[in-house]
Each structure stands twice: as structure tokens, then as C-alpha cells.
């Protein structure tokens, strides 16, 4: 099975909250091009809460996020 990356840009985060919270692992790309990987716990209009791979809680302001990337299984 192949995988396809889905990219959710900053302006679209609020519209796709439910889909993002269902993903087991996401990559959060910050405006500084730093990438954090983990599970999203909460998303509101101001902050995004991410539990990273070291089980550390990170609260990120939405304004600092460039995009959120997650993988989806492809049909082929």
C-alpha cells in the first residue's frame, strides 16, 4: 500500500480540525522551518497542543505554524 501526504496550510487548519485530530501522527512545520512530529491533542483558534514522540507536551501558537502534514493510505 502506498501513502499520500496531505498538507494543511495555516489558513485551512480551523476548517480541518476534526480530520487532523483523528491522525495518529502528524508533522507540524513552523514558520522557522522547524518540524515537530507527534499526535495532536487539541486545536483552538489560538493554540495547537501536540504530544511529541518523547511524550512531551508542546503548546504552539497557530500563528507560528506554516503547515501540518499527515500521511494517508492510498487505494493503490
N, C-alpha and C. Protein backbone atom coordinates (compact mmCIF):
# COMPACT_ATOMS: atom_id res chain seq x y z
N UNK A 1 0.83 -1.19 0.00
CA UNK A 1 0.00 0.00 0.00
C UNK A 1 0.87 1.24 0.00
N UNK A 2 0.52 2.15 -0.86
CA UNK A 2 1.23 3.41 -0.92
C UNK A 2 0.65 4.41 0.05
N UNK A 3 1.35 5.50 0.21
CA UNK A 3 0.89 6.57 1.09
C UNK A 3 0.92 7.87 0.33
N UNK A 4 0.03 8.76 0.69
CA UNK A 4 -0.02 10.09 0.11
C UNK A 4 0.02 11.09 1.25
N UNK A 5 0.81 12.13 1.06
CA UNK A 5 0.88 13.17 2.08
C UNK A 5 -0.22 14.21 1.84
N UNK A 6 -0.86 14.59 2.91
CA UNK A 6 -1.86 15.65 2.86
C UNK A 6 -1.30 16.84 3.63
N UNK A 7 -1.29 18.00 2.97
CA UNK A 7 -0.75 19.20 3.58
C UNK A 7 -1.90 20.16 3.90
N UNK A 8 -1.94 20.59 5.14
CA UNK A 8 -2.96 21.54 5.59
C UNK A 8 -2.22 22.83 5.95
N UNK A 9 -2.43 23.86 5.15
CA UNK A 9 -1.75 25.13 5.38
C UNK A 9 -2.43 25.91 6.50
N UNK A 10 -1.74 26.89 7.02
CA UNK A 10 -2.19 27.65 8.19
C UNK A 10 -3.62 28.14 8.04
N UNK A 11 -3.96 28.69 6.90
CA UNK A 11 -5.30 29.27 6.70
C UNK A 11 -6.40 28.22 6.72
N UNK A 12 -6.06 26.93 6.54
CA UNK A 12 -7.05 25.86 6.47
C UNK A 12 -7.13 25.01 7.74
N UNK A 13 -6.33 25.31 8.74
CA UNK A 13 -6.28 24.48 9.95
C UNK A 13 -7.64 24.42 10.64
N UNK A 14 -8.29 25.56 10.83
CA UNK A 14 -9.58 25.59 11.54
C UNK A 14 -10.66 24.81 10.81
N UNK A 15 -10.60 24.78 9.49
CA UNK A 15 -11.61 24.07 8.70
C UNK A 15 -11.42 22.55 8.77
N UNK A 16 -10.21 22.08 9.12
CA UNK A 16 -9.94 20.65 9.11
C UNK A 16 -9.56 20.10 10.49
N UNK A 17 -10.06 20.73 11.54
CA UNK A 17 -9.72 20.32 12.91
C UNK A 17 -10.07 18.85 13.16
N UNK A 18 -11.27 18.43 12.81
CA UNK A 18 -11.69 17.05 13.08
C UNK A 18 -10.80 16.03 12.38
N UNK A 19 -10.46 16.28 11.14
CA UNK A 19 -9.59 15.36 10.39
C UNK A 19 -8.19 15.31 11.00
N UNK A 20 -7.66 16.45 11.41
CA UNK A 20 -6.32 16.50 12.00
C UNK A 20 -6.26 15.77 13.33
N UNK A 21 -7.28 15.91 14.15
CA UNK A 21 -7.27 15.27 15.46
C UNK A 21 -7.39 13.75 15.37
N UNK A 22 -7.88 13.23 14.26
CA UNK A 22 -8.00 11.78 14.08
C UNK A 22 -6.70 11.11 13.63
N UNK A 23 -5.74 11.89 13.18
CA UNK A 23 -4.49 11.32 12.65
C UNK A 23 -3.60 10.83 13.78
N UNK A 24 -3.03 9.62 13.63
CA UNK A 24 -2.15 9.09 14.69
C UNK A 24 -0.82 9.84 14.80
N UNK A 25 -0.31 10.34 13.66
CA UNK A 25 0.96 11.06 13.66
C UNK A 25 0.88 12.18 12.63
N UNK A 26 1.31 13.37 13.01
CA UNK A 26 1.39 14.49 12.09
C UNK A 26 2.76 15.14 12.21
N UNK A 27 3.13 15.89 11.19
CA UNK A 27 4.32 16.72 11.24
C UNK A 27 3.86 18.17 11.19
N UNK A 28 4.28 18.95 12.17
CA UNK A 28 3.94 20.36 12.24
C UNK A 28 5.16 21.15 11.80
N UNK A 29 5.01 21.92 10.72
CA UNK A 29 6.10 22.74 10.19
C UNK A 29 5.86 24.17 10.66
N UNK A 30 6.83 24.70 11.39
CA UNK A 30 6.73 26.06 11.92
C UNK A 30 7.22 27.06 10.88
N UNK A 31 6.95 28.34 11.10
CA UNK A 31 7.39 29.40 10.19
C UNK A 31 8.91 29.44 10.08
N UNK A 32 9.62 28.94 11.08
CA UNK A 32 11.09 28.91 11.07
C UNK A 32 11.63 27.66 10.38
N UNK A 33 10.73 26.85 9.78
CA UNK A 33 11.05 25.58 9.11
C UNK A 33 11.50 24.48 10.06
N UNK A 34 11.25 24.64 11.34
CA UNK A 34 11.46 23.57 12.31
C UNK A 34 10.26 22.63 12.20
N UNK A 35 10.53 21.31 12.21
CA UNK A 35 9.46 20.32 12.09
C UNK A 35 9.35 19.53 13.38
N UNK A 36 8.12 19.46 13.91
CA UNK A 36 7.84 18.67 15.10
C UNK A 36 6.88 17.56 14.71
N UNK A 37 7.13 16.36 15.22
CA UNK A 37 6.30 15.21 14.89
C UNK A 37 5.63 14.69 16.14
N UNK A 38 4.36 14.33 16.03
CA UNK A 38 3.65 13.79 17.18
C UNK A 38 2.17 13.67 16.91
N UNK A 39 1.40 13.59 18.00
CA UNK A 39 -0.06 13.44 17.94
C UNK A 39 -0.70 14.73 18.41
N UNK A 40 -1.64 15.26 17.63
CA UNK A 40 -2.36 16.47 18.03
C UNK A 40 -3.41 16.11 19.06
N UNK A 41 -3.49 16.88 20.14
CA UNK A 41 -4.47 16.64 21.20
C UNK A 41 -5.62 17.63 21.14
N UNK A 42 -5.30 18.91 21.00
CA UNK A 42 -6.34 19.93 20.91
C UNK A 42 -5.93 20.99 19.90
N UNK A 43 -6.94 21.59 19.28
CA UNK A 43 -6.72 22.70 18.36
C UNK A 43 -7.81 23.72 18.65
N UNK A 44 -7.40 24.95 18.92
CA UNK A 44 -8.38 26.03 19.03
C UNK A 44 -7.91 27.20 18.17
N UNK A 45 -8.57 28.33 18.27
CA UNK A 45 -8.23 29.45 17.39
C UNK A 45 -6.89 30.10 17.73
N UNK A 46 -6.35 29.81 18.91
CA UNK A 46 -5.10 30.45 19.34
C UNK A 46 -3.94 29.47 19.39
N UNK A 47 -4.15 28.26 19.94
CA UNK A 47 -3.07 27.31 20.18
C UNK A 47 -3.37 25.92 19.62
N UNK A 48 -2.29 25.19 19.37
CA UNK A 48 -2.35 23.78 19.00
C UNK A 48 -1.53 23.03 20.03
N UNK A 49 -2.11 21.97 20.61
CA UNK A 49 -1.39 21.16 21.59
C UNK A 49 -0.92 19.88 20.91
N UNK A 50 0.38 19.62 20.98
CA UNK A 50 1.00 18.46 20.34
C UNK A 50 1.75 17.66 21.39
N UNK A 51 1.55 16.33 21.37
CA UNK A 51 2.36 15.44 22.19
C UNK A 51 3.41 14.86 21.25
N UNK A 52 4.69 15.19 21.47
CA UNK A 52 5.72 14.72 20.55
C UNK A 52 6.11 13.27 20.84
N UNK A 53 7.05 12.75 20.08
CA UNK A 53 7.45 11.34 20.18
C UNK A 53 8.14 11.00 21.50
N UNK A 54 8.56 12.01 22.24
CA UNK A 54 9.17 11.79 23.56
C UNK A 54 8.13 11.99 24.66
N UNK A 55 6.86 12.02 24.28
CA UNK A 55 5.73 12.22 25.20
C UNK A 55 5.84 13.53 25.97
N UNK A 56 6.33 14.54 25.29
CA UNK A 56 6.42 15.86 25.87
C UNK A 56 5.33 16.73 25.27
N UNK A 57 4.62 17.45 26.11
CA UNK A 57 3.53 18.32 25.66
C UNK A 57 4.09 19.63 25.14
N UNK A 58 3.65 20.00 23.94
CA UNK A 58 4.08 21.27 23.36
C UNK A 58 2.84 22.06 22.96
N UNK A 59 2.78 23.30 23.39
CA UNK A 59 1.69 24.18 23.00
C UNK A 59 2.26 25.20 22.02
N UNK A 60 1.71 25.17 20.81
CA UNK A 60 2.23 26.01 19.73
C UNK A 60 1.18 27.03 19.32
N UNK A 61 1.54 28.31 19.24
CA UNK A 61 0.60 29.30 18.71
C UNK A 61 0.31 29.02 17.23
N UNK A 62 -0.94 29.12 16.84
CA UNK A 62 -1.34 28.84 15.46
C UNK A 62 -0.60 29.76 14.49
N UNK A 63 -0.32 31.00 14.89
CA UNK A 63 0.38 31.94 14.02
C UNK A 63 1.79 31.49 13.68
N UNK A 64 2.41 30.63 14.50
CA UNK A 64 3.76 30.16 14.24
C UNK A 64 3.78 28.94 13.32
N UNK A 65 2.63 28.39 12.99
CA UNK A 65 2.57 27.17 12.18
C UNK A 65 2.43 27.52 10.71
N UNK A 66 3.31 26.96 9.90
CA UNK A 66 3.25 27.15 8.46
C UNK A 66 2.28 26.14 7.84
N UNK A 67 2.43 24.86 8.23
CA UNK A 67 1.54 23.82 7.72
C UNK A 67 1.61 22.59 8.62
N UNK A 68 0.60 21.74 8.49
CA UNK A 68 0.56 20.45 9.18
C UNK A 68 0.44 19.38 8.11
N UNK A 69 1.29 18.37 8.18
CA UNK A 69 1.35 17.32 7.17
C UNK A 69 1.02 15.99 7.82
N UNK A 70 0.20 15.17 7.14
CA UNK A 70 -0.07 13.82 7.61
C UNK A 70 -0.16 12.88 6.42
N UNK A 71 0.03 11.59 6.67
CA UNK A 71 0.00 10.57 5.63
C UNK A 71 -1.35 9.87 5.60
N UNK A 72 -1.77 9.52 4.39
CA UNK A 72 -2.99 8.74 4.20
C UNK A 72 -2.65 7.55 3.34
N UNK A 73 -3.26 6.39 3.64
CA UNK A 73 -3.07 5.21 2.82
C UNK A 73 -3.71 5.44 1.45
N UNK A 74 -2.98 5.10 0.40
CA UNK A 74 -3.51 5.24 -0.95
C UNK A 74 -4.28 3.96 -1.33
N UNK A 75 -5.20 4.10 -2.25
CA UNK A 75 -6.01 2.95 -2.67
C UNK A 75 -5.22 1.98 -3.55
N UNK A 76 -4.08 2.41 -4.04
CA UNK A 76 -3.29 1.54 -4.94
C UNK A 76 -1.89 1.35 -4.42
